[in-house]
Amino acid sequence: MADLTELETEIKAIIIEALLLEDVAVEDIVTADPLFDTGLGLDSIDALELAIALEERFGVTIDDDPDRNQQIFASVASLASFVDANRSK
């Protein structure tokens, strides 16, 4: 579980860096909170930029499947689970 927690923290840092969220700290992002709408308030452009950053960092491929992507990008926890299951080791 520690590895997943470390991965979640790393993903939070990637979100901040990739989306230039200067007023947000890693501690400000709640792992289980939604990334869109009521959570961080990300939009589809943010999702695309984040997908590119995750692909570059972890070697994961995020396909163009809106339903699946909605699940993947639901929260930091869901992103971490996806990355953990699909990254290049």
N, C-alpha and C. Protein backbone atom coordinates (compact mmCIF):
# COMPACT_ATOMS: atom_id res chain seq x y z
N MET A 1 0.82 -1.20 0.00
CA MET A 1 0.00 0.00 0.00
C MET A 1 0.86 1.26 0.00
N ALA A 2 2.05 1.18 0.62
CA ALA A 2 2.93 2.35 0.66
C ALA A 2 3.31 2.78 -0.75
N ASP A 3 3.55 1.81 -1.64
CA ASP A 3 3.90 2.15 -3.01
C ASP A 3 2.78 2.92 -3.70
N LEU A 4 1.54 2.52 -3.47
CA LEU A 4 0.40 3.21 -4.07
C LEU A 4 0.27 4.61 -3.49
N THR A 5 0.53 4.77 -2.20
CA THR A 5 0.48 6.10 -1.59
C THR A 5 1.55 7.00 -2.17
N GLU A 6 2.74 6.46 -2.37
CA GLU A 6 3.82 7.23 -3.00
C GLU A 6 3.44 7.60 -4.43
N LEU A 7 2.83 6.67 -5.14
CA LEU A 7 2.39 6.94 -6.50
C LEU A 7 1.32 8.03 -6.53
N GLU A 8 0.39 7.98 -5.59
CA GLU A 8 -0.64 9.01 -5.51
C GLU A 8 -0.02 10.39 -5.27
N THR A 9 0.97 10.45 -4.41
CA THR A 9 1.66 11.72 -4.14
C THR A 9 2.38 12.20 -5.39
N GLU A 10 3.02 11.29 -6.11
CA GLU A 10 3.71 11.66 -7.34
C GLU A 10 2.72 12.16 -8.39
N ILE A 11 1.57 11.52 -8.50
CA ILE A 11 0.55 11.95 -9.46
C ILE A 11 0.02 13.33 -9.08
N LYS A 12 -0.15 13.59 -7.81
CA LYS A 12 -0.59 14.93 -7.39
C LYS A 12 0.42 15.98 -7.83
N ALA A 13 1.70 15.69 -7.67
CA ALA A 13 2.75 16.61 -8.10
C ALA A 13 2.73 16.80 -9.62
N ILE A 14 2.47 15.73 -10.35
CA ILE A 14 2.38 15.82 -11.81
C ILE A 14 1.20 16.68 -12.21
N ILE A 15 0.07 16.52 -11.53
CA ILE A 15 -1.11 17.33 -11.83
C ILE A 15 -0.77 18.81 -11.66
N ILE A 16 -0.13 19.14 -10.55
CA ILE A 16 0.21 20.54 -10.27
C ILE A 16 1.17 21.08 -11.32
N GLU A 17 2.19 20.29 -11.65
CA GLU A 17 3.20 20.73 -12.61
C GLU A 17 2.64 20.81 -14.03
N ALA A 18 1.95 19.77 -14.48
CA ALA A 18 1.46 19.72 -15.86
C ALA A 18 0.39 20.77 -16.13
N LEU A 19 -0.41 21.08 -15.11
CA LEU A 19 -1.52 22.00 -15.31
C LEU A 19 -1.22 23.40 -14.76
N LEU A 20 0.03 23.59 -14.33
CA LEU A 20 0.48 24.90 -13.83
C LEU A 20 -0.44 25.45 -12.74
N LEU A 21 -0.76 24.60 -11.78
CA LEU A 21 -1.62 24.99 -10.67
C LEU A 21 -0.76 25.60 -9.56
N GLU A 22 -0.36 26.84 -9.76
CA GLU A 22 0.59 27.49 -8.88
C GLU A 22 0.08 27.68 -7.45
N ASP A 23 -1.22 27.81 -7.27
CA ASP A 23 -1.79 28.06 -5.95
C ASP A 23 -2.22 26.78 -5.24
N VAL A 24 -1.84 25.61 -5.78
CA VAL A 24 -2.25 24.34 -5.21
C VAL A 24 -1.00 23.58 -4.76
N ALA A 25 -1.05 23.03 -3.55
CA ALA A 25 0.03 22.19 -3.04
C ALA A 25 -0.42 20.73 -3.06
N VAL A 26 0.54 19.83 -3.04
CA VAL A 26 0.22 18.40 -3.04
C VAL A 26 -0.75 18.08 -1.91
N GLU A 27 -0.55 18.69 -0.75
CA GLU A 27 -1.39 18.43 0.42
C GLU A 27 -2.82 18.93 0.21
N ASP A 28 -3.01 19.85 -0.72
CA ASP A 28 -4.34 20.41 -0.97
C ASP A 28 -5.24 19.46 -1.77
N ILE A 29 -4.63 18.51 -2.47
CA ILE A 29 -5.39 17.60 -3.32
C ILE A 29 -5.75 16.36 -2.51
N VAL A 30 -7.05 16.14 -2.35
CA VAL A 30 -7.53 14.97 -1.60
C VAL A 30 -7.61 13.79 -2.57
N THR A 31 -6.96 12.71 -2.20
CA THR A 31 -6.81 11.54 -3.08
C THR A 31 -8.13 11.03 -3.63
N ALA A 32 -9.17 11.00 -2.82
CA ALA A 32 -10.44 10.41 -3.24
C ALA A 32 -11.40 11.43 -3.86
N ASP A 33 -11.07 12.72 -3.80
CA ASP A 33 -11.96 13.75 -4.35
C ASP A 33 -11.99 13.71 -5.88
N PRO A 34 -13.11 14.10 -6.47
CA PRO A 34 -13.19 14.15 -7.93
C PRO A 34 -12.20 15.16 -8.50
N LEU A 35 -11.68 14.86 -9.67
CA LEU A 35 -10.78 15.80 -10.34
C LEU A 35 -11.56 16.82 -11.14
N PHE A 36 -12.77 16.47 -11.53
CA PHE A 36 -13.59 17.35 -12.36
C PHE A 36 -14.75 17.87 -11.53
N ASP A 37 -15.43 18.86 -12.05
CA ASP A 37 -16.61 19.45 -11.41
C ASP A 37 -16.31 19.94 -10.00
N THR A 38 -16.81 19.24 -8.99
CA THR A 38 -16.75 19.72 -7.61
C THR A 38 -15.36 19.60 -6.98
N GLY A 39 -14.49 18.79 -7.55
CA GLY A 39 -13.16 18.61 -6.98
C GLY A 39 -12.22 19.72 -7.41
N LEU A 40 -11.18 19.37 -8.15
CA LEU A 40 -10.23 20.37 -8.63
C LEU A 40 -10.82 21.24 -9.73
N GLY A 41 -11.91 20.81 -10.32
CA GLY A 41 -12.55 21.60 -11.37
C GLY A 41 -11.82 21.53 -12.70
N LEU A 42 -11.18 20.40 -12.98
CA LEU A 42 -10.48 20.24 -14.25
C LEU A 42 -11.47 20.14 -15.39
N ASP A 43 -10.97 20.41 -16.62
CA ASP A 43 -11.81 20.28 -17.81
C ASP A 43 -11.15 19.32 -18.79
N SER A 44 -11.74 19.17 -19.96
CA SER A 44 -11.25 18.18 -20.93
C SER A 44 -9.84 18.51 -21.43
N ILE A 45 -9.50 19.78 -21.56
CA ILE A 45 -8.15 20.15 -21.97
C ILE A 45 -7.15 19.75 -20.88
N ASP A 46 -7.53 19.97 -19.62
CA ASP A 46 -6.68 19.54 -18.51
C ASP A 46 -6.46 18.03 -18.54
N ALA A 47 -7.51 17.29 -18.83
CA ALA A 47 -7.41 15.83 -18.90
C ALA A 47 -6.43 15.41 -19.98
N LEU A 48 -6.48 16.07 -21.12
CA LEU A 48 -5.57 15.76 -22.22
C LEU A 48 -4.12 16.05 -21.81
N GLU A 49 -3.88 17.21 -21.22
CA GLU A 49 -2.54 17.56 -20.78
C GLU A 49 -2.04 16.59 -19.71
N LEU A 50 -2.91 16.21 -18.82
CA LEU A 50 -2.55 15.26 -17.77
C LEU A 50 -2.26 13.89 -18.35
N ALA A 51 -3.05 13.46 -19.32
CA ALA A 51 -2.82 12.17 -19.98
C ALA A 51 -1.44 12.14 -20.63
N ILE A 52 -1.07 13.22 -21.29
CA ILE A 52 0.24 13.30 -21.94
C ILE A 52 1.35 13.23 -20.89
N ALA A 53 1.19 13.95 -19.79
CA ALA A 53 2.20 13.93 -18.73
C ALA A 53 2.34 12.54 -18.12
N LEU A 54 1.22 11.85 -17.92
CA LEU A 54 1.27 10.50 -17.36
C LEU A 54 1.89 9.51 -18.34
N GLU A 55 1.59 9.68 -19.62
CA GLU A 55 2.19 8.82 -20.64
C GLU A 55 3.70 9.00 -20.67
N GLU A 56 4.15 10.27 -20.60
CA GLU A 56 5.59 10.55 -20.63
C GLU A 56 6.29 10.02 -19.39
N ARG A 57 5.68 10.19 -18.23
CA ARG A 57 6.32 9.82 -16.97
C ARG A 57 6.29 8.31 -16.71
N PHE A 58 5.15 7.68 -17.00
CA PHE A 58 4.97 6.28 -16.61
C PHE A 58 4.89 5.31 -17.78
N GLY A 59 4.82 5.81 -19.00
CA GLY A 59 4.73 4.93 -20.15
C GLY A 59 3.37 4.27 -20.31
N VAL A 60 2.34 4.85 -19.71
CA VAL A 60 0.99 4.30 -19.85
C VAL A 60 0.32 4.89 -21.09
N THR A 61 -0.56 4.13 -21.69
CA THR A 61 -1.32 4.61 -22.84
C THR A 61 -2.77 4.74 -22.43
N ILE A 62 -3.30 5.94 -22.62
CA ILE A 62 -4.70 6.20 -22.29
C ILE A 62 -5.44 6.34 -23.61
N ASP A 63 -6.30 5.38 -23.89
CA ASP A 63 -7.02 5.34 -25.16
C ASP A 63 -8.13 6.38 -25.21
N ASP A 64 -8.65 6.59 -26.41
CA ASP A 64 -9.75 7.53 -26.60
C ASP A 64 -11.08 6.81 -26.39
N ASP A 65 -11.36 6.52 -25.12
CA ASP A 65 -12.58 5.84 -24.72
C ASP A 65 -13.22 6.66 -23.61
N PRO A 66 -14.18 7.53 -23.96
CA PRO A 66 -14.73 8.47 -22.98
C PRO A 66 -15.25 7.82 -21.70
N ASP A 67 -15.94 6.71 -21.81
CA ASP A 67 -16.48 6.05 -20.62
C ASP A 67 -15.36 5.54 -19.72
N ARG A 68 -14.40 4.88 -20.31
CA ARG A 68 -13.25 4.35 -19.55
C ARG A 68 -12.44 5.49 -18.96
N ASN A 69 -12.22 6.55 -19.74
CA ASN A 69 -11.43 7.67 -19.26
C ASN A 69 -12.12 8.40 -18.11
N GLN A 70 -13.43 8.41 -18.11
CA GLN A 70 -14.16 9.01 -17.00
C GLN A 70 -13.86 8.26 -15.70
N GLN A 71 -13.73 6.94 -15.81
CA GLN A 71 -13.38 6.12 -14.64
C GLN A 71 -11.93 6.36 -14.23
N ILE A 72 -11.03 6.39 -15.22
CA ILE A 72 -9.60 6.56 -14.94
C ILE A 72 -9.34 7.90 -14.27
N PHE A 73 -9.97 8.96 -14.79
CA PHE A 73 -9.71 10.32 -14.31
C PHE A 73 -10.68 10.75 -13.22
N ALA A 74 -11.36 9.83 -12.59
CA ALA A 74 -12.34 10.18 -11.54
C ALA A 74 -11.67 10.84 -10.35
N SER A 75 -10.49 10.36 -9.96
CA SER A 75 -9.80 10.88 -8.78
C SER A 75 -8.32 10.53 -8.88
N VAL A 76 -7.54 11.06 -7.97
CA VAL A 76 -6.13 10.69 -7.92
C VAL A 76 -6.01 9.19 -7.62
N ALA A 77 -6.88 8.67 -6.76
CA ALA A 77 -6.83 7.25 -6.43
C ALA A 77 -7.06 6.38 -7.66
N SER A 78 -8.03 6.74 -8.50
CA SER A 78 -8.29 5.94 -9.70
C SER A 78 -7.16 6.08 -10.72
N LEU A 79 -6.57 7.27 -10.82
CA LEU A 79 -5.41 7.45 -11.69
C LEU A 79 -4.25 6.59 -11.22
N ALA A 80 -4.00 6.58 -9.92
CA ALA A 80 -2.90 5.78 -9.38
C ALA A 80 -3.12 4.29 -9.63
N SER A 81 -4.34 3.82 -9.46
CA SER A 81 -4.64 2.41 -9.72
C SER A 81 -4.39 2.07 -11.18
N PHE A 82 -4.83 2.95 -12.09
CA PHE A 82 -4.62 2.73 -13.52
C PHE A 82 -3.14 2.71 -13.85
N VAL A 83 -2.40 3.70 -13.37
CA VAL A 83 -0.98 3.78 -13.64
C VAL A 83 -0.25 2.56 -13.08
N ASP A 84 -0.58 2.18 -11.85
CA ASP A 84 0.06 1.04 -11.22
C ASP A 84 -0.15 -0.24 -12.02
N ALA A 85 -1.34 -0.41 -12.57
CA ALA A 85 -1.67 -1.62 -13.33
C ALA A 85 -1.11 -1.61 -14.74
N ASN A 86 -0.80 -0.42 -15.27
CA ASN A 86 -0.45 -0.33 -16.70
C ASN A 86 0.92 0.25 -17.00
N ARG A 87 1.66 0.69 -16.02
CA ARG A 87 2.93 1.37 -16.30
C ARG A 87 4.02 0.40 -16.71
N SER A 88 5.00 0.94 -17.40
CA SER A 88 6.18 0.18 -17.76
C SER A 88 7.02 0.03 -16.51
N LYS A 89 7.28 -1.17 -16.14
CA LYS A 89 8.05 -1.42 -14.89
C LYS A 89 9.53 -1.30 -15.15
